C-alpha atoms as a PDB file:
ATOM      1  CA  VAL A   1      -9.204  62.292  63.928  1.00  0.00           C
ATOM      2  CA  GLN A   2      -6.545  64.976  63.872  1.00  0.00           C
ATOM      3  CA  LEU A   3      -2.909  64.994  64.864  1.00  0.00           C
ATOM      4  CA  GLN A   4      -1.464  68.471  65.297  1.00  0.00           C
ATOM      5  CA  ALA A   5       2.328  68.634  65.254  1.00  0.00           C
ATOM      6  CA  SER A   6       4.194  71.671  66.540  1.00  0.00           C
ATOM      7  CA  GLY A   7       7.545  72.757  67.896  1.00  0.00           C
ATOM      8  CA  GLY A   8       9.586  72.974  64.734  1.00  0.00           C
ATOM      9  CA  GLY A   9      11.794  75.911  63.938  1.00  0.00           C
ATOM     10  CA  VAL A  10      15.263  77.069  63.053  1.00  0.00           C
ATOM     11  CA  VAL A  11      18.088  76.023  65.365  1.00  0.00           C
ATOM     12  CA  GLN A  12      21.860  76.106  65.200  1.00  0.00           C
ATOM     13  CA  PRO A  13      23.889  72.894  65.058  1.00  0.00           C
ATOM     14  CA  GLY A  14      24.168  71.398  68.510  1.00  0.00           C
ATOM     15  CA  GLY A  15      20.898  72.927  69.615  1.00  0.00           C
ATOM     16  CA  SER A  16      17.731  71.312  70.874  1.00  0.00           C
ATOM     17  CA  LEU A  17      14.043  71.292  70.020  1.00  0.00           C
ATOM     18  CA  ARG A  18      11.057  69.460  71.410  1.00  0.00           C
ATOM     19  CA  LEU A  19       8.326  68.501  68.997  1.00  0.00           C
ATOM     20  CA  SER A  20       4.788  67.895  70.214  1.00  0.00           C
ATOM     21  CA  CYS A  21       1.879  66.114  68.594  1.00  0.00           C
ATOM     22  CA  ALA A  22      -1.559  66.604  70.095  1.00  0.00           C
ATOM     23  CA  ALA A  23      -4.371  64.247  69.175  1.00  0.00           C
ATOM     24  CA  SER A  24      -8.042  65.127  68.880  1.00  0.00           C
ATOM     25  CA  GLY A  25     -10.894  62.821  68.075  1.00  0.00           C
ATOM     26  CA  THR A  26      -8.818  59.888  69.233  1.00  0.00           C
ATOM     27  CA  THR A  27      -6.336  58.904  71.888  1.00  0.00           C
ATOM     28  CA  PHE A  28      -2.746  57.743  71.652  1.00  0.00           C
ATOM     29  CA  GLY A  29      -3.311  55.330  74.491  1.00  0.00           C
ATOM     30  CA  LEU A  30      -0.967  52.387  74.180  1.00  0.00           C
ATOM     31  CA  ASN A  31      -1.191  52.195  70.407  1.00  0.00           C
ATOM     32  CA  ALA A  32       1.854  52.257  68.193  1.00  0.00           C
ATOM     33  CA  VAL A  33       3.078  55.812  67.677  1.00  0.00           C
ATOM     34  CA  GLY A  34       6.036  57.342  65.953  1.00  0.00           C
ATOM     35  CA  TRP A  35       7.851  60.257  64.421  1.00  0.00           C
ATOM     36  CA  TYR A  36       8.949  60.272  60.793  1.00  0.00           C
ATOM     37  CA  ARG A  37      10.760  62.838  58.725  1.00  0.00           C
ATOM     38  CA  GLN A  38      11.185  63.765  55.112  1.00  0.00           C
ATOM     39  CA  ALA A  39      14.123  65.795  53.922  1.00  0.00           C
ATOM     40  CA  PRO A  40      14.067  67.631  50.578  1.00  0.00           C
ATOM     41  CA  GLY A  41      14.449  65.173  47.738  1.00  0.00           C
ATOM     42  CA  LYS A  42      14.337  62.145  50.022  1.00  0.00           C
ATOM     43  CA  GLN A  43      11.744  59.607  51.037  1.00  0.00           C
ATOM     44  CA  ARG A  44       9.972  59.737  54.360  1.00  0.00           C
ATOM     45  CA  GLU A  45      11.841  57.744  56.975  1.00  0.00           C
ATOM     46  CA  VAL A  46      11.171  56.624  60.502  1.00  0.00           C
ATOM     47  CA  VAL A  47      12.934  58.585  63.209  1.00  0.00           C
ATOM     48  CA  ALA A  48      11.577  56.949  66.351  1.00  0.00           C
ATOM     49  CA  ARG A  49       8.563  54.931  67.301  1.00  0.00           C
ATOM     50  CA  ILE A  50       6.978  53.162  70.238  1.00  0.00           C
ATOM     51  CA  SER A  51       5.262  49.903  69.451  1.00  0.00           C
ATOM     52  CA  SER A  52       2.081  48.647  71.087  1.00  0.00           C
ATOM     53  CA  ASP A  53       4.185  46.600  73.503  1.00  0.00           C
ATOM     54  CA  ARG A  54       5.890  49.877  74.500  1.00  0.00           C
ATOM     55  CA  THR A  55       9.197  48.977  72.885  1.00  0.00           C
ATOM     56  CA  ALA A  56      11.027  52.055  71.627  1.00  0.00           C
ATOM     57  CA  TYR A  57      12.932  52.049  68.355  1.00  0.00           C
ATOM     58  CA  TYR A  58      15.299  54.712  67.079  1.00  0.00           C
ATOM     59  CA  ALA A  59      16.906  55.141  63.704  1.00  0.00           C
ATOM     60  CA  ASP A  60      20.669  54.758  63.909  1.00  0.00           C
ATOM     61  CA  ALA A  61      21.140  58.364  62.844  1.00  0.00           C
ATOM     62  CA  VAL A  62      19.361  59.706  65.942  1.00  0.00           C
ATOM     63  CA  LYS A  63      20.242  57.171  68.633  1.00  0.00           C
ATOM     64  CA  GLY A  64      21.521  58.837  71.752  1.00  0.00           C
ATOM     65  CA  ARG A  65      20.298  62.256  70.610  1.00  0.00           C
ATOM     66  CA  PHE A  66      16.516  61.940  70.260  1.00  0.00           C
ATOM     67  CA  THR A  67      13.959  60.658  72.743  1.00  0.00           C
ATOM     68  CA  ILE A  68      10.360  59.743  71.974  1.00  0.00           C
ATOM     69  CA  SER A  69       7.759  59.832  74.727  1.00  0.00           C
ATOM     70  CA  ARG A  70       4.029  60.227  75.229  1.00  0.00           C
ATOM     71  CA  ASP A  71       1.822  61.685  77.901  1.00  0.00           C
ATOM     72  CA  ILE A  72      -1.364  59.657  78.031  1.00  0.00           C
ATOM     73  CA  VAL A  73      -3.099  62.186  80.298  1.00  0.00           C
ATOM     74  CA  LYS A  74      -2.328  65.093  77.948  1.00  0.00           C
ATOM     75  CA  ASN A  75      -2.863  62.849  74.915  1.00  0.00           C
ATOM     76  CA  THR A  76       0.341  64.197  73.418  1.00  0.00           C
ATOM     77  CA  LEU A  77       3.349  62.622  71.743  1.00  0.00           C
ATOM     78  CA  TYR A  78       6.782  64.215  72.050  1.00  0.00           C
ATOM     79  CA  LEU A  79      10.143  64.052  70.363  1.00  0.00           C
ATOM     80  CA  GLN A  80      13.005  65.606  72.301  1.00  0.00           C
ATOM     81  CA  MET A  81      15.832  66.354  69.906  1.00  0.00           C
ATOM     82  CA  ASN A  82      19.279  67.218  71.246  1.00  0.00           C
ATOM     83  CA  GLY A  83      22.569  67.666  69.476  1.00  0.00           C
ATOM     84  CA  LEU A  84      20.834  68.638  66.260  1.00  0.00           C
ATOM     85  CA  GLU A  85      22.826  68.390  63.064  1.00  0.00           C
ATOM     86  CA  PRO A  86      22.251  69.938  59.620  1.00  0.00           C
ATOM     87  CA  GLU A  87      21.348  66.435  58.407  1.00  0.00           C
ATOM     88  CA  ASP A  88      18.327  66.524  60.738  1.00  0.00           C
ATOM     89  CA  THR A  89      16.745  69.248  58.625  1.00  0.00           C
ATOM     90  CA  ALA A  90      13.391  67.914  57.446  1.00  0.00           C
ATOM     91  CA  ILE A  91       9.658  68.046  57.880  1.00  0.00           C
ATOM     92  CA  TYR A  92       8.750  65.913  60.883  1.00  0.00           C
ATOM     93  CA  TYR A  93       5.471  64.001  60.981  1.00  0.00           C
ATOM     94  CA  CYS A  94       3.817  62.258  63.884  1.00  0.00           C
ATOM     95  CA  ASN A  95       2.069  58.966  63.312  1.00  0.00           C
ATOM     96  CA  LEU A  96      -0.514  56.845  65.094  1.00  0.00           C
ATOM     97  CA  VAL A  97      -1.459  53.296  64.197  1.00  0.00           C
ATOM     98  CA  LYS A  98      -4.756  51.957  65.481  1.00  0.00           C
ATOM     99  CA  LYS A  99      -6.978  49.071  64.480  1.00  0.00           C
ATOM    100  CA  THR A 100      -9.169  51.626  62.690  1.00  0.00           C
ATOM    101  CA  GLY A 101      -6.307  52.871  60.548  1.00  0.00           C
ATOM    102  CA  GLN A 102      -3.109  54.879  60.375  1.00  0.00           C
ATOM    103  CA  TYR A 103      -3.093  58.625  61.019  1.00  0.00           C
ATOM    104  CA  TRP A 104      -0.566  61.354  60.235  1.00  0.00           C
ATOM    105  CA  GLY A 105       0.010  64.844  61.534  1.00  0.00           C
ATOM    106  CA  GLN A 106       0.452  67.711  59.105  1.00  0.00           C
ATOM    107  CA  GLY A 107       4.195  68.009  59.672  1.00  0.00           C
ATOM    108  CA  THR A 108       6.404  70.569  61.332  1.00  0.00           C
ATOM    109  CA  LEU A 109       9.568  71.923  59.728  1.00  0.00           C
ATOM    110  CA  VAL A 110      12.895  71.634  61.505  1.00  0.00           C
ATOM    111  CA  THR A 111      15.813  73.527  60.038  1.00  0.00           C
ATOM    112  CA  VAL A 112      19.289  73.115  61.481  1.00  0.00           C
ATOM    113  CA  SER A 113      21.595  75.776  60.181  1.00  0.00           C
ATOM    114  CA  SER A 114      24.284  78.141  61.353  1.00  0.00           C
END
């Protein structure tokens, strides 16, 4: 099982990025999925997730700016990030929870800076 995250980069405040997470060796299906992030010197925190009952959850810090979605046909998880702020700078990780275990992508770095 591999989750390959991509789409990170350097963006100015107010800009947008779309992160992608492609799965191989497994499928996202309707399992619980999510995006987490870890800023320098801080613990990993949840950014957004979709539970197995398809309920979406967003951290207060990103509500109204970020949108999580998945394409079952492409077997890819997305995180659309708009209105980026310097505080969003972090390594972003995708996550999949299945009955067989929990899986993490390798992380993609997002840097918001002018």
